[in-house]
């Protein structure tokens, strides 16, 4: 018996002025529209390669599973890249194949609808209608997404369906109360309506949680992974990517987004933090006489993003 699973990448074509506009000078960033599009193109290539590696990892795990239990199903993993509108499918295919032949087939499709929620639902439905058991969706602007996240996402969905006997859901947040990874089984009673297009200010992450609680859906939570929208996000991404590159000499099982790093190294980009002139008065911790008074003050009110 064979079961099919899908990795889904949502992506616009990397057209200057269409993608990563918040990185551009016009929107308060420091890059030209062409440079922002170049970053996004390289991120798309890296995320596509990451997906290829993850499918290799998952199929290797399935071989081990079947060696231990010959009755276990053969699990096949396929990659879908969805863009919009339909006329951009050819451009997306041309962009992906610009760097040569990929080791696995890529299925191209286009999503549509009045809102991003509709686009999400339409893409998921079209893939599920082809007989896929579960879908894990990832963004094209998350080049530091861990390989293990994708592997664990499918493992959780298989566990929910085959061990618990209930379809489930898995997600990893991004840095702004949104999501960087979302996945669920074909019969999970959930959709994306009201998640990304809502008029109340409720974050996407909270929207999914509300649906999960309301329907009693088994779910798994993976560690947050930042996407790249603002210049600060890009700085964080580059710091993490360079740390991954250094660690890869000793640590197995990680993916290094080398194309994004090549772009950043070519431009000479280096993350910068303002000098920290604050000091930590640790002497008070060692001075019992002064220590009691040092912390005897009322907490100050602070500004934050919660309300």
Protein backbone atom coordinates (compact mmCIF):
# COMPACT_ATOMS: atom_id res chain seq x y z
CA UNK A 1 0.00 0.00 0.00
CA UNK A 2 1.26 3.47 -0.88
CA UNK A 3 0.35 6.76 0.79
CA UNK A 4 1.15 10.17 -0.66
CA UNK A 5 2.19 13.31 1.21
CA UNK A 6 2.85 16.82 -0.10
CA UNK A 7 5.13 19.72 0.73
CA UNK A 8 3.57 22.95 -0.50
CA UNK A 9 5.50 26.19 -1.09
CA UNK A 10 3.45 29.33 -1.68
CA UNK A 11 5.39 31.93 -3.63
CA UNK A 12 5.06 34.93 -5.88
CA UNK A 13 7.52 35.14 -8.77
CA UNK A 14 10.61 37.16 -7.71
CA UNK A 15 9.68 40.24 -9.74
CA UNK A 16 11.20 43.58 -8.64
CA UNK A 17 8.54 45.72 -7.00
CA UNK A 18 6.28 42.71 -6.36
CA UNK A 19 8.19 40.86 -3.61
CA UNK A 20 9.85 41.90 -0.35
CA UNK A 21 8.90 45.53 -0.83
CA UNK A 22 9.43 46.31 2.86
CA UNK A 23 13.15 45.73 2.29
CA UNK A 24 13.26 48.49 -0.32
CA UNK A 25 14.20 52.15 0.07
CA UNK A 26 10.68 53.14 -0.96
CA UNK A 27 9.25 51.31 2.07
CA UNK A 28 11.88 52.32 4.62
CA UNK A 29 14.46 49.59 3.90
CA UNK A 30 17.89 49.92 2.37
CA UNK A 31 17.65 47.92 -0.85
CA UNK A 32 16.63 48.57 -4.41
CA UNK A 33 13.65 46.69 -5.76
CA UNK A 34 16.03 44.55 -7.83
CA UNK A 35 18.16 43.65 -4.78
CA UNK A 36 15.07 42.71 -2.76
CA UNK A 37 13.88 40.49 -5.60
CA UNK A 38 17.33 38.90 -5.85
CA UNK A 39 17.21 38.04 -2.15
CA UNK A 40 13.77 36.49 -2.58
CA UNK A 41 14.83 34.47 -5.63
CA UNK A 42 17.74 32.98 -3.72
CA UNK A 43 15.57 32.28 -0.71
CA UNK A 44 13.10 30.51 -2.99
CA UNK A 45 15.90 28.36 -4.41
CA UNK A 46 17.18 27.52 -0.92
CA UNK A 47 13.73 26.63 0.41
CA UNK A 48 13.11 24.46 -2.65
CA UNK A 49 16.37 22.60 -2.05
CA UNK A 50 15.52 22.31 1.65
CA UNK A 51 12.24 20.63 0.67
CA UNK A 52 14.16 18.17 -1.54
CA UNK A 53 16.43 17.26 1.36
CA UNK A 54 13.43 16.83 3.67
CA UNK A 55 11.74 14.44 1.24
CA UNK A 56 14.95 12.39 1.15
CA UNK A 57 14.96 12.35 4.97
CA UNK A 58 11.32 11.29 5.15
CA UNK A 59 11.66 8.51 2.60
CA UNK A 60 14.76 7.21 4.41
CA UNK A 61 12.72 7.07 7.61
CA UNK A 62 9.99 5.21 5.75
CA UNK A 63 12.50 2.60 4.54
CA UNK A 64 13.55 2.05 8.16
CA UNK A 65 9.88 1.83 9.15
CA UNK A 66 9.17 -0.83 6.52
CA UNK A 67 12.27 -2.83 7.42
CA UNK A 68 11.03 -2.98 11.01
CA UNK A 69 7.41 -3.62 9.95
CA UNK A 70 6.87 -5.03 6.44
CA UNK A 71 3.16 -4.25 6.70
CA UNK A 72 3.84 -0.50 6.99
CA UNK A 73 2.77 1.55 3.96
CA UNK A 74 5.19 2.95 1.42
CA UNK A 75 5.12 6.70 1.94
CA UNK A 76 5.78 8.96 -1.05
CA UNK A 77 6.54 12.65 -0.74
CA UNK A 78 6.00 15.22 -3.51
CA UNK A 79 6.74 18.92 -3.82
CA UNK A 80 4.21 21.48 -5.05
CA UNK A 81 4.97 25.14 -5.75
CA UNK A 82 1.91 27.34 -6.01
CA UNK A 83 1.88 30.86 -7.38
CA UNK A 84 -0.69 33.34 -8.64
CA UNK A 85 -2.17 34.22 -11.08
CA UNK A 86 -2.17 31.40 -13.63
CA UNK A 87 -0.03 33.35 -16.12
CA UNK A 88 2.83 33.34 -13.59
CA UNK A 89 3.15 29.56 -13.48
CA UNK A 90 5.45 29.53 -16.51
CA UNK A 91 7.57 32.32 -15.01
CA UNK A 92 7.81 30.45 -11.71
CA UNK A 93 8.89 27.27 -13.49
CA UNK A 94 11.49 29.23 -15.46
CA UNK A 95 12.78 30.83 -12.24
CA UNK A 96 13.12 27.53 -10.40
CA UNK A 97 14.86 25.85 -13.34
CA UNK A 98 17.24 28.79 -13.85
CA UNK A 99 19.90 27.07 -11.78
CA UNK A 100 19.61 23.72 -13.56
CA UNK A 101 17.96 20.35 -13.20
CA UNK A 102 16.52 19.46 -9.81
CA UNK A 103 16.85 15.91 -8.44
CA UNK A 104 13.09 15.51 -8.00
CA UNK A 105 10.00 16.42 -9.95
CA UNK A 106 8.32 19.68 -8.97
CA UNK A 107 4.57 20.09 -9.44
CA UNK A 108 3.55 23.63 -10.37
CA UNK A 109 0.09 25.03 -9.73
CA UNK A 110 -1.67 28.33 -9.19
CA UNK A 111 -3.86 29.41 -6.31
CA UNK A 112 -6.79 31.77 -6.55
CA UNK A 113 -9.56 33.44 -4.57
CA UNK A 114 -10.72 36.77 -3.21
CA UNK A 115 -8.48 36.62 -0.12
CA UNK A 116 -5.28 34.90 0.94
CA UNK A 117 -7.45 32.56 3.02
CA UNK A 118 -9.25 31.53 -0.18
CA UNK A 119 -5.93 30.97 -1.95
CA UNK A 120 -4.75 28.72 0.88
CA UNK A 121 -7.97 26.71 0.92
CA UNK A 122 -8.05 26.31 -2.86
CA UNK A 123 -4.45 25.04 -3.05
CA UNK A 124 -4.94 22.58 -0.19
CA UNK A 125 -8.17 21.29 -1.73
CA UNK A 126 -6.65 20.72 -5.16
CA UNK A 127 -3.81 18.68 -3.67
CA UNK A 128 -6.06 16.68 -1.35
CA UNK A 129 -8.34 15.94 -4.30
CA UNK A 130 -5.37 14.12 -5.87
CA UNK A 131 -5.33 11.61 -3.03
CA UNK A 132 -2.70 13.05 -0.70
CA UNK A 133 -2.89 12.10 2.97
CA UNK A 134 -1.42 15.28 4.43
CA UNK A 135 0.09 18.59 3.39
CA UNK A 136 2.78 20.65 5.09
CA UNK A 137 2.98 24.20 3.77
CA UNK A 138 6.08 26.38 4.15
CA UNK A 139 6.94 29.88 2.99
CA UNK A 140 9.53 30.78 0.37
CA UNK A 141 10.97 33.53 2.60
CA UNK A 142 12.17 31.28 5.45
CA UNK A 143 15.61 30.06 4.32
CA UNK A 144 16.66 29.12 7.88
CA UNK A 145 13.74 26.73 8.40
CA UNK A 146 15.17 23.61 10.11
CA UNK A 147 15.02 20.34 8.18
CA UNK A 148 13.76 18.67 11.34
CA UNK A 149 10.68 20.91 11.38
CA UNK A 150 9.38 19.48 8.13
CA UNK A 151 10.24 15.92 9.11
CA UNK A 152 8.60 16.24 12.52
CA UNK A 153 5.52 17.90 11.03
CA UNK A 154 4.80 14.87 8.87
CA UNK A 155 5.64 12.49 11.71
CA UNK A 156 3.06 14.21 13.90
CA UNK A 157 0.39 14.10 11.19
CA UNK A 158 1.04 10.40 10.60
CA UNK A 159 0.89 9.78 14.36
CA UNK A 160 -2.42 11.61 14.69
CA UNK A 161 -3.99 9.73 11.78
CA UNK A 162 -2.59 6.24 12.35
CA UNK A 163 -1.98 5.98 16.10
CA UNK A 164 -4.59 8.27 17.62
CA UNK A 165 -7.01 7.55 14.81
CA UNK A 166 -7.87 11.25 14.50
CA UNK A 167 -6.75 13.71 11.84
CA UNK A 168 -4.57 16.46 13.26
CA UNK A 169 -2.79 19.74 12.74
CA UNK A 170 0.76 21.07 13.14
CA UNK A 171 2.18 24.57 13.05
CA UNK A 172 5.31 26.58 13.73
CA UNK A 173 4.92 30.30 14.48
CA UNK A 174 6.90 33.07 12.86
CA UNK A 175 8.20 36.06 14.85
CA UNK A 176 5.05 38.17 14.51
CA UNK A 177 2.26 35.89 15.79
CA UNK A 178 1.84 34.43 12.32
CA UNK A 179 2.96 31.04 11.02
CA UNK A 180 6.01 29.79 9.15
CA UNK A 181 4.75 26.20 8.76
CA UNK A 182 1.21 24.83 8.68
CA UNK A 183 0.10 21.28 8.01
CA UNK A 184 -2.88 19.00 8.43
CA UNK A 185 -4.44 15.74 7.26
CA UNK A 186 -6.91 15.51 4.39
CA UNK A 187 -9.83 14.96 6.76
CA UNK A 188 -8.86 17.42 9.49
CA UNK A 189 -11.96 19.56 10.16
CA UNK A 190 -10.23 22.90 9.64
CA UNK A 191 -9.74 25.57 6.97
CA UNK A 192 -7.95 28.89 6.65
CA UNK A 193 -11.01 31.14 6.59
CA UNK A 194 -10.64 34.14 8.90
CA UNK A 195 -6.98 33.37 9.59
CA UNK A 196 -4.97 35.73 7.40
CA UNK A 197 -7.85 37.96 6.31
CA UNK A 198 -9.66 39.23 9.38
CA UNK A 199 -10.89 42.63 10.47
CA UNK A 200 -10.45 42.25 14.23
CA UNK A 201 -6.67 42.33 14.52
CA UNK A 202 -6.46 38.76 15.79
CA UNK A 203 -3.10 37.20 14.82
CA UNK A 204 -3.04 34.18 12.53
CA UNK A 205 -1.53 31.95 15.21
CA UNK A 206 -4.37 32.73 17.60
CA UNK A 207 -6.89 32.19 14.83
CA UNK A 208 -5.68 28.65 14.24
CA UNK A 209 -5.66 27.96 17.98
CA UNK A 210 -9.28 29.07 18.25
CA UNK A 211 -10.27 26.66 15.49
CA UNK A 212 -8.28 23.83 17.08
CA UNK A 213 -9.94 24.33 20.47
CA UNK A 214 -13.42 24.70 18.99
CA UNK A 215 -13.14 21.44 17.01
CA UNK A 216 -11.03 19.53 19.54
CA UNK A 217 -8.36 18.82 16.91
CA UNK A 218 -5.15 17.05 18.02
CA UNK A 219 -2.26 19.37 17.26
CA UNK A 220 1.48 19.81 17.56
CA UNK A 221 3.57 22.93 18.08
CA UNK A 222 7.04 23.39 16.62
CA UNK A 223 9.55 26.05 17.65
CA UNK A 224 9.14 29.51 16.06
CA UNK A 225 11.09 30.29 12.88
CA UNK A 226 11.39 33.84 11.56
CA UNK A 227 10.45 34.76 8.02
CA UNK A 228 11.93 37.81 6.27
CA UNK A 229 9.78 40.89 5.74
CA UNK A 230 11.63 43.79 7.34
CA UNK A 231 15.33 44.74 7.33
CA UNK A 232 15.56 43.60 10.96
CA UNK A 233 14.25 40.18 9.91
CA UNK A 234 16.92 39.97 7.22
CA UNK A 235 19.65 40.81 9.73
CA UNK A 236 18.40 38.03 12.00
CA UNK A 237 18.23 35.63 9.04
CA UNK A 238 21.81 36.36 7.98
CA UNK A 239 23.17 35.96 11.52
CA UNK A 240 21.40 32.60 11.82
CA UNK A 241 22.48 31.48 8.33
CA UNK A 242 26.14 32.24 9.08
CA UNK A 243 25.86 30.38 12.38
CA UNK A 244 24.39 27.42 10.48
CA UNK A 245 27.27 27.53 8.01
CA UNK A 246 29.81 27.42 10.83
CA UNK A 247 27.97 24.66 12.69
CA UNK A 248 27.59 22.52 9.57
CA UNK A 249 31.26 21.54 9.79
CA UNK A 250 30.44 19.60 12.94
CA UNK A 251 26.66 19.20 13.14
CA UNK A 252 24.74 16.88 10.85
CA UNK A 253 21.12 17.19 9.84
CA UNK A 254 21.05 20.94 9.23
CA UNK A 255 20.52 22.86 6.02
CA UNK A 256 22.66 25.88 5.14
CA UNK A 257 20.94 28.43 2.84
CA UNK A 258 24.03 28.90 0.72
CA UNK A 259 22.43 30.92 -2.07
CA UNK A 260 21.14 33.57 0.33
CA UNK A 261 24.57 33.67 1.94
CA UNK A 262 26.29 34.06 -1.42
CA UNK A 263 24.03 37.03 -2.17
CA UNK A 264 24.74 38.61 1.23
CA UNK A 265 28.49 37.98 1.01
CA UNK A 266 28.61 39.48 -2.50
CA UNK A 267 26.91 42.66 -1.23
CA UNK A 268 29.07 42.70 1.90
CA UNK A 269 26.06 42.67 4.21
CA UNK A 270 26.75 42.44 7.93
CA UNK A 271 24.12 42.62 10.66
CA UNK A 272 24.69 45.54 13.01
CA UNK A 273 23.50 46.08 16.56
CA UNK A 274 23.66 49.41 18.40
CA UNK A 275 26.37 49.54 21.07
CA UNK A 276 25.01 48.36 24.40
CA UNK A 277 25.98 50.87 27.06
CA UNK A 278 23.80 49.35 29.75
CA UNK A 279 25.61 47.56 32.53
CA UNK A 280 24.37 44.80 34.76
CA UNK A 281 24.91 45.88 38.40
CA UNK A 282 25.81 42.40 39.51
CA UNK A 283 27.76 43.70 42.48
CA UNK A 284 24.42 44.13 44.24
CA UNK A 285 23.86 40.39 44.07
CA UNK A 286 27.03 39.84 46.07
CA UNK A 287 26.48 42.65 48.55
CA UNK A 288 23.81 41.64 51.05
CA UNK A 289 23.72 45.06 52.66
CA UNK A 290 23.10 46.95 49.43
CA UNK A 291 21.25 44.19 47.66
CA UNK A 292 18.01 44.55 49.57
CA UNK A 293 17.70 48.25 48.72
CA UNK A 294 18.93 47.86 45.15
CA UNK A 295 15.77 46.10 44.06
CA UNK A 296 13.33 47.81 46.41
CA UNK A 297 11.60 49.94 43.80
CA UNK A 298 8.31 49.94 41.99
CA UNK A 299 8.29 48.38 38.52
CA UNK A 300 8.18 50.92 35.73
CA UNK A 301 5.49 50.91 33.08
CA UNK A 302 6.76 49.83 29.68
CA UNK A 303 5.48 50.07 26.16
CA UNK A 304 4.73 46.81 24.41
CA UNK A 305 2.86 45.18 21.54
CA UNK A 306 0.22 43.45 23.62
CA UNK A 307 -3.11 44.94 24.43
